[in-house]
Every structure is written in structure tokens, then in C-alpha cells.
């Protein structure tokens, strides 16, 4: 369990979440964004974060510039932005910006 098992398609992740009755964790980032890089290289590799995300979520990580339809659909205004959805596709929580591992886990808890 060394890394998050990121998916690269919103639609297939949502379908998987519906089948397994799990939440979706959507991470929107931009190449060259320092906060996005820190989130990915520091927070997303933390053992506690990896365990939590892989066990409870269907994680999707998408480049916002290449997925403007998703960015517009969810009214995302900055990168990185992390969104949590129920298996039904309803947004439960979002948190923009970089979070160190413990704070990231606290944000995930806020989704309920």
C-alpha cells in the first residue's frame, strides 16, 4: 500500500463507486503548480493518507487544464482542489489548496 491507486477517468470512477457503494475523491491539479506538487509528493505519499484514501474512496486525479469540462461542472476556481462525492455523485465536501497529511485527513473526516 505504498501509493494511492489513482484513477484517470471521472466517469469510470463514479461507476465504480456506485457498484461498490464507496465515495469518490476527486483531485484537480495543474502541472507546474507548486501547491499541487507538494500535495502530491508530500501528502499523497503519507502512509496514513494512502491507507485512508485507498480503503474508503475511489480516488481520481485529473489535470484541470485537460479536463475543463469537469472544472466547469464543479465550479472549481483554483488548483489543487480536492472534492469528496458520495456514491450517488453528490458533492459532500471540498477543500482547495495544499494540506499536510494530518490536516488532509481531518478534511476528509469533514465529509462525514
PDB file of N, CA and C in Angstrom:
ATOM      1  N   UNK A   1       0.840  -1.211   0.000  1.00  0.00           N
ATOM      2  CA  UNK A   1       0.000   0.000   0.000  1.00  0.00           C
ATOM      3  C   UNK A   1       0.869   1.251   0.000  1.00  0.00           C
ATOM      4  N   UNK A   2       1.809   1.313  -0.884  1.00  0.00           N
ATOM      5  CA  UNK A   2       2.725   2.421  -0.880  1.00  0.00           C
ATOM      6  C   UNK A   2       2.236   3.680  -1.549  1.00  0.00           C
ATOM      7  N   UNK A   3       1.198   3.578  -2.383  1.00  0.00           N
ATOM      8  CA  UNK A   3       0.719   4.788  -3.047  1.00  0.00           C
ATOM      9  C   UNK A   3      -0.786   4.714  -3.296  1.00  0.00           C
ATOM     10  N   UNK A   4      -1.348   5.871  -3.537  1.00  0.00           N
ATOM     11  CA  UNK A   4      -2.787   5.946  -3.811  1.00  0.00           C
ATOM     12  C   UNK A   4      -3.041   5.371  -5.194  1.00  0.00           C
ATOM     13  N   UNK A   5      -4.077   4.587  -5.300  1.00  0.00           N
ATOM     14  CA  UNK A   5      -4.443   3.926  -6.545  1.00  0.00           C
ATOM     15  C   UNK A   5      -5.332   4.852  -7.391  1.00  0.00           C
ATOM     16  N   UNK A   6      -4.715   5.916  -7.922  1.00  0.00           N
ATOM     17  CA  UNK A   6      -5.460   6.931  -8.668  1.00  0.00           C
ATOM     18  C   UNK A   6      -6.080   6.370  -9.938  1.00  0.00           C
ATOM     19  N   UNK A   7      -7.307   6.778 -10.212  1.00  0.00           N
ATOM     20  CA  UNK A   7      -7.949   6.511 -11.495  1.00  0.00           C
ATOM     21  C   UNK A   7      -7.775   7.758 -12.350  1.00  0.00           C
ATOM     22  N   UNK A   8      -7.941   7.615 -13.655  1.00  0.00           N
ATOM     23  CA  UNK A   8      -7.762   8.766 -14.550  1.00  0.00           C
ATOM     24  C   UNK A   8      -9.012   9.093 -15.361  1.00  0.00           C
ATOM     25  N   UNK A   9     -10.168   8.609 -14.884  1.00  0.00           N
ATOM     26  CA  UNK A   9     -11.433   8.906 -15.562  1.00  0.00           C
ATOM     27  C   UNK A   9     -12.525   9.138 -14.525  1.00  0.00           C
ATOM     28  N   UNK A  10     -13.151  10.306 -14.601  1.00  0.00           N
ATOM     29  CA  UNK A  10     -14.234  10.642 -13.679  1.00  0.00           C
ATOM     30  C   UNK A  10     -15.401   9.675 -13.843  1.00  0.00           C
ATOM     31  N   UNK A  11     -15.807   9.442 -15.089  1.00  0.00           N
ATOM     32  CA  UNK A  11     -16.982   8.603 -15.339  1.00  0.00           C
ATOM     33  C   UNK A  11     -16.784   7.173 -14.849  1.00  0.00           C
ATOM     34  N   UNK A  12     -15.635   6.580 -15.155  1.00  0.00           N
ATOM     35  CA  UNK A  12     -15.423   5.196 -14.721  1.00  0.00           C
ATOM     36  C   UNK A  12     -15.280   5.119 -13.198  1.00  0.00           C
ATOM     37  N   UNK A  13     -14.682   6.140 -12.586  1.00  0.00           N
ATOM     38  CA  UNK A  13     -14.569   6.154 -11.120  1.00  0.00           C
ATOM     39  C   UNK A  13     -15.943   6.250 -10.473  1.00  0.00           C
ATOM     40  N   UNK A  14     -16.807   7.082 -11.039  1.00  0.00           N
ATOM     41  CA  UNK A  14     -18.156   7.219 -10.487  1.00  0.00           C
ATOM     42  C   UNK A  14     -18.930   5.916 -10.633  1.00  0.00           C
ATOM     43  N   UNK A  15     -18.785   5.254 -11.774  1.00  0.00           N
ATOM     44  CA  UNK A  15     -19.441   3.956 -11.967  1.00  0.00           C
ATOM     45  C   UNK A  15     -18.924   2.927 -10.964  1.00  0.00           C
ATOM     46  N   UNK A  16     -17.614   2.914 -10.751  1.00  0.00           N
ATOM     47  CA  UNK A  16     -17.010   2.004  -9.781  1.00  0.00           C
ATOM     48  C   UNK A  16     -17.538   2.302  -8.377  1.00  0.00           C
ATOM     49  N   UNK A  17     -17.643   3.576  -8.036  1.00  0.00           N
ATOM     50  CA  UNK A  17     -18.138   3.975  -6.708  1.00  0.00           C
ATOM     51  C   UNK A  17     -19.582   3.513  -6.500  1.00  0.00           C
ATOM     52  N   UNK A  18     -20.393   3.640  -7.541  1.00  0.00           N
ATOM     53  CA  UNK A  18     -21.794   3.197  -7.435  1.00  0.00           C
ATOM     54  C   UNK A  18     -21.869   1.693  -7.214  1.00  0.00           C
ATOM     55  N   UNK A  19     -21.050   0.931  -7.947  1.00  0.00           N
ATOM     56  CA  UNK A  19     -21.057  -0.532  -7.812  1.00  0.00           C
ATOM     57  C   UNK A  19     -20.603  -0.962  -6.430  1.00  0.00           C
ATOM     58  N   UNK A  20     -19.595  -0.282  -5.892  1.00  0.00           N
ATOM     59  CA  UNK A  20     -19.013  -0.679  -4.602  1.00  0.00           C
ATOM     60  C   UNK A  20     -19.580   0.101  -3.423  1.00  0.00           C
ATOM     61  N   UNK A  21     -20.476   1.054  -3.704  1.00  0.00           N
ATOM     62  CA  UNK A  21     -21.049   1.923  -2.685  1.00  0.00           C
ATOM     63  C   UNK A  21     -19.954   2.599  -1.848  1.00  0.00           C
ATOM     64  N   UNK A  22     -19.016   3.213  -2.574  1.00  0.00           N
ATOM     65  CA  UNK A  22     -17.920   3.945  -1.938  1.00  0.00           C
ATOM     66  C   UNK A  22     -17.937   5.386  -2.418  1.00  0.00           C
ATOM     67  N   UNK A  23     -17.264   6.224  -1.684  1.00  0.00           N
ATOM     68  CA  UNK A  23     -17.158   7.633  -2.062  1.00  0.00           C
ATOM     69  C   UNK A  23     -16.084   7.827  -3.120  1.00  0.00           C
ATOM     70  N   UNK A  24     -16.185   8.953  -3.821  1.00  0.00           N
ATOM     71  CA  UNK A  24     -15.178   9.323  -4.810  1.00  0.00           C
ATOM     72  C   UNK A  24     -14.380  10.496  -4.262  1.00  0.00           C
ATOM     73  N   UNK A  25     -13.065  10.412  -4.379  1.00  0.00           N
ATOM     74  CA  UNK A  25     -12.175  11.512  -4.034  1.00  0.00           C
ATOM     75  C   UNK A  25     -11.620  12.042  -5.351  1.00  0.00           C
ATOM     76  N   UNK A  26     -11.981  13.268  -5.693  1.00  0.00           N
ATOM     77  CA  UNK A  26     -11.527  13.879  -6.940  1.00  0.00           C
ATOM     78  C   UNK A  26     -10.497  14.954  -6.632  1.00  0.00           C
ATOM     79  N   UNK A  27      -9.324  14.792  -7.194  1.00  0.00           N
ATOM     80  CA  UNK A  27      -8.233  15.745  -7.033  1.00  0.00           C
ATOM     81  C   UNK A  27      -8.011  16.433  -8.376  1.00  0.00           C
ATOM     82  N   UNK A  28      -8.182  17.749  -8.414  1.00  0.00           N
ATOM     83  CA  UNK A  28      -7.906  18.514  -9.623  1.00  0.00           C
ATOM     84  C   UNK A  28      -6.636  19.314  -9.398  1.00  0.00           C
ATOM     85  N   UNK A  29      -5.691  19.139 -10.308  1.00  0.00           N
ATOM     86  CA  UNK A  29      -4.381  19.790 -10.175  1.00  0.00           C
ATOM     87  C   UNK A  29      -4.006  20.431 -11.505  1.00  0.00           C
ATOM     88  N   UNK A  30      -2.889  21.163 -11.504  1.00  0.00           N
ATOM     89  CA  UNK A  30      -2.327  21.712 -12.739  1.00  0.00           C
ATOM     90  C   UNK A  30      -0.825  21.456 -12.736  1.00  0.00           C
ATOM     91  N   UNK A  31      -0.308  21.012 -13.869  1.00  0.00           N
ATOM     92  CA  UNK A  31       1.143  20.847 -13.991  1.00  0.00           C
ATOM     93  C   UNK A  31       1.812  22.188 -13.762  1.00  0.00           C
ATOM     94  N   UNK A  32       2.912  22.179 -13.021  1.00  0.00           N
ATOM     95  CA  UNK A  32       3.653  23.409 -12.758  1.00  0.00           C
ATOM     96  C   UNK A  32       3.170  24.164 -11.531  1.00  0.00           C
ATOM     97  N   UNK A  33       2.093  23.719 -10.922  1.00  0.00           N
ATOM     98  CA  UNK A  33       1.549  24.373  -9.728  1.00  0.00           C
ATOM     99  C   UNK A  33       2.312  23.856  -8.507  1.00  0.00           C
ATOM    100  N   UNK A  34       3.031  24.755  -7.781  1.00  0.00           N
ATOM    101  CA  UNK A  34       3.828  24.291  -6.634  1.00  0.00           C
ATOM    102  C   UNK A  34       3.008  23.648  -5.529  1.00  0.00           C
ATOM    103  N   UNK A  35       1.826  24.195  -5.240  1.00  0.00           N
ATOM    104  CA  UNK A  35       0.981  23.610  -4.187  1.00  0.00           C
ATOM    105  C   UNK A  35       0.509  22.219  -4.594  1.00  0.00           C
ATOM    106  N   UNK A  36       0.203  22.047  -5.883  1.00  0.00           N
ATOM    107  CA  UNK A  36      -0.226  20.739  -6.392  1.00  0.00           C
ATOM    108  C   UNK A  36       0.900  19.724  -6.241  1.00  0.00           C
ATOM    109  N   UNK A  37       2.116  20.152  -6.557  1.00  0.00           N
ATOM    110  CA  UNK A  37       3.277  19.273  -6.456  1.00  0.00           C
ATOM    111  C   UNK A  37       3.519  18.855  -5.011  1.00  0.00           C
ATOM    112  N   UNK A  38       3.451  19.817  -4.077  1.00  0.00           N
ATOM    113  CA  UNK A  38       3.643  19.489  -2.653  1.00  0.00           C
ATOM    114  C   UNK A  38       2.574  18.521  -2.172  1.00  0.00           C
ATOM    115  N   UNK A  39       1.331  18.750  -2.572  1.00  0.00           N
ATOM    116  CA  UNK A  39       0.240  17.868  -2.156  1.00  0.00           C
ATOM    117  C   UNK A  39       0.516  16.446  -2.638  1.00  0.00           C
ATOM    118  N   UNK A  40       0.954  16.329  -3.879  1.00  0.00           N
ATOM    119  CA  UNK A  40       1.165  15.009  -4.467  1.00  0.00           C
ATOM    120  C   UNK A  40       2.417  14.317  -3.937  1.00  0.00           C
ATOM    121  N   UNK A  41       3.486  15.067  -3.717  1.00  0.00           N
ATOM    122  CA  UNK A  41       4.758  14.446  -3.313  1.00  0.00           C
ATOM    123  C   UNK A  41       4.939  14.356  -1.799  1.00  0.00           C
ATOM    124  N   UNK A  42       4.140  15.095  -1.032  1.00  0.00           N
ATOM    125  CA  UNK A  42       4.262  15.052   0.427  1.00  0.00           C
ATOM    126  C   UNK A  42       3.039  14.414   1.091  1.00  0.00           C
ATOM    127  N   UNK A  43       1.860  14.904   0.765  1.00  0.00           N
ATOM    128  CA  UNK A  43       0.649  14.422   1.424  1.00  0.00           C
ATOM    129  C   UNK A  43       0.182  13.087   0.857  1.00  0.00           C
ATOM    130  N   UNK A  44       0.143  12.967  -0.463  1.00  0.00           N
ATOM    131  CA  UNK A  44      -0.390  11.756  -1.090  1.00  0.00           C
ATOM    132  C   UNK A  44       0.487  10.520  -0.903  1.00  0.00           C
ATOM    133  N   UNK A  45       1.702  10.691  -0.405  1.00  0.00           N
ATOM    134  CA  UNK A  45       2.580   9.543  -0.163  1.00  0.00           C
ATOM    135  C   UNK A  45       2.628   9.157   1.313  1.00  0.00           C
ATOM    136  N   UNK A  46       1.983   9.936   2.170  1.00  0.00           N
ATOM    137  CA  UNK A  46       1.940   9.633   3.596  1.00  0.00           C
ATOM    138  C   UNK A  46       1.166   8.324   3.815  1.00  0.00           C
ATOM    139  N   UNK A  47       1.728   7.428   4.609  1.00  0.00           N
ATOM    140  CA  UNK A  47       1.128   6.102   4.811  1.00  0.00           C
ATOM    141  C   UNK A  47      -0.313   6.187   5.310  1.00  0.00           C
ATOM    142  N   UNK A  48      -0.595   7.100   6.232  1.00  0.00           N
ATOM    143  CA  UNK A  48      -1.958   7.244   6.750  1.00  0.00           C
ATOM    144  C   UNK A  48      -2.933   7.732   5.695  1.00  0.00           C
ATOM    145  N   UNK A  49      -2.486   8.659   4.873  1.00  0.00           N
ATOM    146  CA  UNK A  49      -3.329   9.184   3.797  1.00  0.00           C
ATOM    147  C   UNK A  49      -3.573   8.095   2.755  1.00  0.00           C
ATOM    148  N   UNK A  50      -2.524   7.380   2.370  1.00  0.00           N
ATOM    149  CA  UNK A  50      -2.650   6.300   1.387  1.00  0.00           C
ATOM    150  C   UNK A  50      -3.653   5.258   1.879  1.00  0.00           C
ATOM    151  N   UNK A  51      -3.516   4.843   3.137  1.00  0.00           N
ATOM    152  CA  UNK A  51      -4.414   3.845   3.722  1.00  0.00           C
ATOM    153  C   UNK A  51      -5.863   4.336   3.705  1.00  0.00           C
ATOM    154  N   UNK A  52      -6.084   5.547   4.180  1.00  0.00           N
ATOM    155  CA  UNK A  52      -7.432   6.105   4.267  1.00  0.00           C
ATOM    156  C   UNK A  52      -8.082   6.222   2.885  1.00  0.00           C
ATOM    157  N   UNK A  53      -7.348   6.775   1.941  1.00  0.00           N
ATOM    158  CA  UNK A  53      -7.909   7.005   0.603  1.00  0.00           C
ATOM    159  C   UNK A  53      -8.178   5.681  -0.111  1.00  0.00           C
ATOM    160  N   UNK A  54      -7.209   4.771  -0.106  1.00  0.00           N
ATOM    161  CA  UNK A  54      -7.394   3.501  -0.822  1.00  0.00           C
ATOM    162  C   UNK A  54      -8.471   2.622  -0.210  1.00  0.00           C
ATOM    163  N   UNK A  55      -8.666   2.715   1.104  1.00  0.00           N
ATOM    164  CA  UNK A  55      -9.643   1.838   1.750  1.00  0.00           C
ATOM    165  C   UNK A  55     -11.066   2.382   1.703  1.00  0.00           C
ATOM    166  N   UNK A  56     -11.227   3.714   1.626  1.00  0.00           N
ATOM    167  CA  UNK A  56     -12.570   4.281   1.735  1.00  0.00           C
ATOM    168  C   UNK A  56     -13.071   4.998   0.488  1.00  0.00           C
ATOM    169  N   UNK A  57     -12.193   5.256  -0.472  1.00  0.00           N
ATOM    170  CA  UNK A  57     -12.568   6.081  -1.624  1.00  0.00           C
ATOM    171  C   UNK A  57     -12.174   5.428  -2.939  1.00  0.00           C
ATOM    172  N   UNK A  58     -12.819   5.887  -3.999  1.00  0.00           N
ATOM    173  CA  UNK A  58     -12.361   5.637  -5.358  1.00  0.00           C
ATOM    174  C   UNK A  58     -11.662   6.938  -5.749  1.00  0.00           C
ATOM    175  N   UNK A  59     -10.328   6.964  -5.751  1.00  0.00           N
ATOM    176  CA  UNK A  59      -9.612   8.211  -5.999  1.00  0.00           C
ATOM    177  C   UNK A  59      -9.380   8.485  -7.487  1.00  0.00           C
ATOM    178  N   UNK A  60      -9.611   9.733  -7.877  1.00  0.00           N
ATOM    179  CA  UNK A  60      -9.399  10.175  -9.257  1.00  0.00           C
ATOM    180  C   UNK A  60      -8.532  11.426  -9.202  1.00  0.00           C
ATOM    181  N   UNK A  61      -7.490  11.465 -10.016  1.00  0.00           N
ATOM    182  CA  UNK A  61      -6.617  12.645 -10.071  1.00  0.00           C
ATOM    183  C   UNK A  61      -6.548  13.104 -11.509  1.00  0.00           C
ATOM    184  N   UNK A  62      -7.004  14.344 -11.747  1.00  0.00           N
ATOM    185  CA  UNK A  62      -7.095  14.867 -13.106  1.00  0.00           C
ATOM    186  C   UNK A  62      -6.415  16.225 -13.232  1.00  0.00           C
ATOM    187  N   UNK A  63      -5.752  16.431 -14.356  1.00  0.00           N
ATOM    188  CA  UNK A  63      -5.170  17.723 -14.686  1.00  0.00           C
ATOM    189  C   UNK A  63      -6.312  18.643 -15.103  1.00  0.00           C
ATOM    190  N   UNK A  64      -6.507  19.721 -14.356  1.00  0.00           N
ATOM    191  CA  UNK A  64      -7.606  20.634 -14.628  1.00  0.00           C
ATOM    192  C   UNK A  64      -7.588  21.207 -16.035  1.00  0.00           C
ATOM    193  N   UNK A  65      -6.396  21.506 -16.555  1.00  0.00           N
ATOM    194  CA  UNK A  65      -6.302  22.086 -17.896  1.00  0.00           C
ATOM    195  C   UNK A  65      -6.780  21.120 -18.976  1.00  0.00           C
ATOM    196  N   UNK A  66      -6.631  19.839 -18.722  1.00  0.00           N
ATOM    197  CA  UNK A  66      -7.033  18.831 -19.706  1.00  0.00           C
ATOM    198  C   UNK A  66      -8.452  18.334 -19.469  1.00  0.00           C
ATOM    199  N   UNK A  67      -9.064  18.810 -18.408  1.00  0.00           N
ATOM    200  CA  UNK A  67     -10.415  18.370 -18.041  1.00  0.00           C
ATOM    201  C   UNK A  67     -11.291  19.569 -17.670  1.00  0.00           C
ATOM    202  N   UNK A  68     -11.304  20.551 -18.558  1.00  0.00           N
ATOM    203  CA  UNK A  68     -12.052  21.781 -18.272  1.00  0.00           C
ATOM    204  C   UNK A  68     -13.550  21.519 -18.096  1.00  0.00           C
ATOM    205  N   UNK A  69     -14.064  20.479 -18.726  1.00  0.00           N
ATOM    206  CA  UNK A  69     -15.477  20.142 -18.542  1.00  0.00           C
ATOM    207  C   UNK A  69     -15.770  19.810 -17.078  1.00  0.00           C
ATOM    208  N   UNK A  70     -14.855  19.077 -16.436  1.00  0.00           N
ATOM    209  CA  UNK A  70     -15.011  18.721 -15.013  1.00  0.00           C
ATOM    210  C   UNK A  70     -14.825  19.961 -14.145  1.00  0.00           C
ATOM    211  N   UNK A  71     -13.819  20.772 -14.470  1.00  0.00           N
ATOM    212  CA  UNK A  71     -13.556  22.005 -13.721  1.00  0.00           C
ATOM    213  C   UNK A  71     -14.793  22.894 -13.738  1.00  0.00           C
ATOM    214  N   UNK A  72     -15.394  23.066 -14.904  1.00  0.00           N
ATOM    215  CA  UNK A  72     -16.589  23.915 -15.022  1.00  0.00           C
ATOM    216  C   UNK A  72     -17.789  23.274 -14.354  1.00  0.00           C
ATOM    217  N   UNK A  73     -17.957  21.973 -14.538  1.00  0.00           N
ATOM    218  CA  UNK A  73     -19.102  21.262 -13.958  1.00  0.00           C
ATOM    219  C   UNK A  73     -19.178  21.450 -12.443  1.00  0.00           C
ATOM    220  N   UNK A  74     -18.012  21.407 -11.787  1.00  0.00           N
ATOM    221  CA  UNK A  74     -17.976  21.509 -10.328  1.00  0.00           C
ATOM    222  C   UNK A  74     -17.539  22.886  -9.832  1.00  0.00           C
ATOM    223  N   UNK A  75     -17.458  23.862 -10.753  1.00  0.00           N
ATOM    224  CA  UNK A  75     -17.146  25.239 -10.395  1.00  0.00           C
ATOM    225  C   UNK A  75     -15.863  25.347  -9.565  1.00  0.00           C
ATOM    226  N   UNK A  76     -14.814  24.701 -10.044  1.00  0.00           N
ATOM    227  CA  UNK A  76     -13.513  24.745  -9.375  1.00  0.00           C
ATOM    228  C   UNK A  76     -12.771  25.979  -9.859  1.00  0.00           C
ATOM    229  N   UNK A  77     -12.249  26.757  -8.921  1.00  0.00           N
ATOM    230  CA  UNK A  77     -11.619  28.036  -9.280  1.00  0.00           C
ATOM    231  C   UNK A  77     -10.124  28.086  -9.008  1.00  0.00           C
ATOM    232  N   UNK A  78      -9.550  27.023  -8.471  1.00  0.00           N
ATOM    233  CA  UNK A  78      -8.120  27.034  -8.189  1.00  0.00           C
ATOM    234  C   UNK A  78      -7.570  25.627  -8.085  1.00  0.00           C
ATOM    235  N   UNK A  79      -6.254  25.544  -8.121  1.00  0.00           N
ATOM    236  CA  UNK A  79      -5.602  24.242  -8.019  1.00  0.00           C
ATOM    237  C   UNK A  79      -4.547  24.283  -6.920  1.00  0.00           C
ATOM    238  N   UNK A  80      -4.420  23.197  -6.185  1.00  0.00           N
ATOM    239  CA  UNK A  80      -5.249  21.997  -6.264  1.00  0.00           C
ATOM    240  C   UNK A  80      -6.575  22.187  -5.527  1.00  0.00           C
ATOM    241  N   UNK A  81      -7.562  21.448  -5.952  1.00  0.00           N
ATOM    242  CA  UNK A  81      -8.835  21.384  -5.244  1.00  0.00           C
ATOM    243  C   UNK A  81      -9.196  19.919  -5.091  1.00  0.00           C
ATOM    244  N   UNK A  82      -9.545  19.546  -3.871  1.00  0.00           N
ATOM    245  CA  UNK A  82      -9.953  18.178  -3.561  1.00  0.00           C
ATOM    246  C   UNK A  82     -11.444  18.187  -3.283  1.00  0.00           C
ATOM    247  N   UNK A  83     -12.172  17.295  -3.948  1.00  0.00           N
ATOM    248  CA  UNK A  83     -13.616  17.187  -3.765  1.00  0.00           C
ATOM    249  C   UNK A  83     -13.967  15.761  -3.358  1.00  0.00           C
ATOM    250  N   UNK A  84     -14.923  15.644  -2.439  1.00  0.00           N
ATOM    251  CA  UNK A  84     -15.403  14.338  -1.994  1.00  0.00           C
ATOM    252  C   UNK A  84     -16.864  14.221  -2.410  1.00  0.00           C
ATOM    253  N   UNK A  85     -17.181  13.083  -3.047  1.00  0.00           N
ATOM    254  CA  UNK A  85     -18.539  12.824  -3.514  1.00  0.00           C
ATOM    255  C   UNK A  85     -19.049  11.517  -2.928  1.00  0.00           C
ATOM    256  N   UNK A  86     -20.348  11.470  -2.712  1.00  0.00           N
ATOM    257  CA  UNK A  86     -20.969  10.218  -2.327  1.00  0.00           C
ATOM    258  C   UNK A  86     -21.031   9.298  -3.542  1.00  0.00           C
ATOM    259  N   UNK A  87     -21.406   8.045  -3.310  1.00  0.00           N
ATOM    260  CA  UNK A  87     -21.509   7.083  -4.408  1.00  0.00           C
ATOM    261  C   UNK A  87     -22.559   7.518  -5.435  1.00  0.00           C
ATOM    262  N   UNK A  88     -23.460   8.403  -5.016  1.00  0.00           N
ATOM    263  CA  UNK A  88     -24.503   8.901  -5.913  1.00  0.00           C
ATOM    264  C   UNK A  88     -24.046  10.092  -6.750  1.00  0.00           C
ATOM    265  N   UNK A  89     -22.788  10.519  -6.551  1.00  0.00           N
ATOM    266  CA  UNK A  89     -22.264  11.632  -7.331  1.00  0.00           C
ATOM    267  C   UNK A  89     -22.539  12.996  -6.735  1.00  0.00           C
ATOM    268  N   UNK A  90     -23.139  13.039  -5.550  1.00  0.00           N
ATOM    269  CA  UNK A  90     -23.420  14.316  -4.894  1.00  0.00           C
ATOM    270  C   UNK A  90     -22.189  14.778  -4.113  1.00  0.00           C
ATOM    271  N   UNK A  91     -21.827  16.053  -4.293  1.00  0.00           N
ATOM    272  CA  UNK A  91     -20.672  16.598  -3.580  1.00  0.00           C
ATOM    273  C   UNK A  91     -20.963  16.687  -2.091  1.00  0.00           C
ATOM    274  N   UNK A  92     -20.008  16.186  -1.288  1.00  0.00           N
ATOM    275  CA  UNK A  92     -20.144  16.200   0.168  1.00  0.00           C
ATOM    276  C   UNK A  92     -19.239  17.234   0.820  1.00  0.00           C
ATOM    277  N   UNK A  93     -18.072  17.458   0.216  1.00  0.00           N
ATOM    278  CA  UNK A  93     -17.096  18.368   0.825  1.00  0.00           C
ATOM    279  C   UNK A  93     -16.048  18.722  -0.215  1.00  0.00           C
ATOM    280  N   UNK A  94     -15.470  19.912  -0.085  1.00  0.00           N
ATOM    281  CA  UNK A  94     -14.328  20.294  -0.930  1.00  0.00           C
ATOM    282  C   UNK A  94     -13.347  21.089  -0.110  1.00  0.00           C
ATOM    283  N   UNK A  95     -12.086  20.943  -0.451  1.00  0.00           N
ATOM    284  CA  UNK A  95     -11.064  21.729   0.229  1.00  0.00           C
ATOM    285  C   UNK A  95      -9.964  22.082  -0.768  1.00  0.00           C
ATOM    286  N   UNK A  96      -9.868  23.383  -1.064  1.00  0.00           N
ATOM    287  CA  UNK A  96      -8.855  23.856  -2.006  1.00  0.00           C
ATOM    288  C   UNK A  96      -7.504  24.047  -1.335  1.00  0.00           C
ATOM    289  N   UNK A  97      -6.437  23.866  -2.109  1.00  0.00           N
ATOM    290  CA  UNK A  97      -5.102  24.169  -1.634  1.00  0.00           C
ATOM    291  C   UNK A  97      -4.350  22.967  -1.099  1.00  0.00           C
ATOM    292  N   UNK A  98      -3.158  23.270  -0.601  1.00  0.00           N
ATOM    293  CA  UNK A  98      -2.274  22.248  -0.034  1.00  0.00           C
ATOM    294  C   UNK A  98      -2.616  22.009   1.430  1.00  0.00           C
ATOM    295  N   UNK A  99      -2.609  20.746   1.824  1.00  0.00           N
ATOM    296  CA  UNK A  99      -2.792  20.361   3.228  1.00  0.00           C
ATOM    297  C   UNK A  99      -1.736  19.326   3.582  1.00  0.00           C
ATOM    298  N   UNK A 100      -1.021  19.516   4.700  1.00  0.00           N
ATOM    299  CA  UNK A 100      -0.126  18.454   5.147  1.00  0.00           C
ATOM    300  C   UNK A 100      -0.964  17.228   5.549  1.00  0.00           C
ATOM    301  N   UNK A 101      -0.345  16.057   5.662  1.00  0.00           N
ATOM    302  CA  UNK A 101      -1.099  14.818   5.871  1.00  0.00           C
ATOM    303  C   UNK A 101      -2.157  14.848   6.973  1.00  0.00           C
ATOM    304  N   UNK A 102      -1.822  15.295   8.172  1.00  0.00           N
ATOM    305  CA  UNK A 102      -2.811  15.268   9.259  1.00  0.00           C
ATOM    306  C   UNK A 102      -3.996  16.174   8.969  1.00  0.00           C
ATOM    307  N   UNK A 103      -3.732  17.353   8.408  1.00  0.00           N
ATOM    308  CA  UNK A 103      -4.818  18.271   8.080  1.00  0.00           C
ATOM    309  C   UNK A 103      -5.660  17.724   6.924  1.00  0.00           C
ATOM    310  N   UNK A 104      -5.015  17.048   5.984  1.00  0.00           N
ATOM    311  CA  UNK A 104      -5.728  16.427   4.858  1.00  0.00           C
ATOM    312  C   UNK A 104      -6.708  15.374   5.388  1.00  0.00           C
ATOM    313  N   UNK A 105      -6.246  14.558   6.328  1.00  0.00           N
ATOM    314  CA  UNK A 105      -7.114  13.536   6.927  1.00  0.00           C
ATOM    315  C   UNK A 105      -8.270  14.175   7.682  1.00  0.00           C
ATOM    316  N   UNK A 106      -8.027  15.291   8.354  1.00  0.00           N
ATOM    317  CA  UNK A 106      -9.089  15.997   9.067  1.00  0.00           C
ATOM    318  C   UNK A 106     -10.135  16.514   8.075  1.00  0.00           C
ATOM    319  N   UNK A 107      -9.671  16.999   6.924  1.00  0.00           N
ATOM    320  CA  UNK A 107     -10.613  17.474   5.893  1.00  0.00           C
ATOM    321  C   UNK A 107     -11.467  16.312   5.368  1.00  0.00           C
ATOM    322  N   UNK A 108     -10.859  15.169   5.176  1.00  0.00           N
ATOM    323  CA  UNK A 108     -11.627  14.006   4.714  1.00  0.00           C
ATOM    324  C   UNK A 108     -12.704  13.637   5.734  1.00  0.00           C
ATOM    325  N   UNK A 109     -12.387  13.749   7.014  1.00  0.00           N
ATOM    326  CA  UNK A 109     -13.367  13.445   8.072  1.00  0.00           C
ATOM    327  C   UNK A 109     -14.573  14.369   7.993  1.00  0.00           C
ATOM    328  N   UNK A 110     -14.367  15.611   7.557  1.00  0.00           N
ATOM    329  CA  UNK A 110     -15.466  16.584   7.485  1.00  0.00           C
ATOM    330  C   UNK A 110     -16.522  16.186   6.472  1.00  0.00           C
ATOM    331  N   UNK A 111     -16.176  15.289   5.556  1.00  0.00           N
ATOM    332  CA  UNK A 111     -17.157  14.830   4.566  1.00  0.00           C
ATOM    333  C   UNK A 111     -18.224  13.961   5.214  1.00  0.00           C
ATOM    334  N   UNK A 112     -17.953  13.533   6.463  1.00  0.00           N
ATOM    335  CA  UNK A 112     -18.948  12.770   7.208  1.00  0.00           C
ATOM    336  C   UNK A 112     -18.855  11.294   7.059  1.00  0.00           C
TER     337      UNK A 112
END
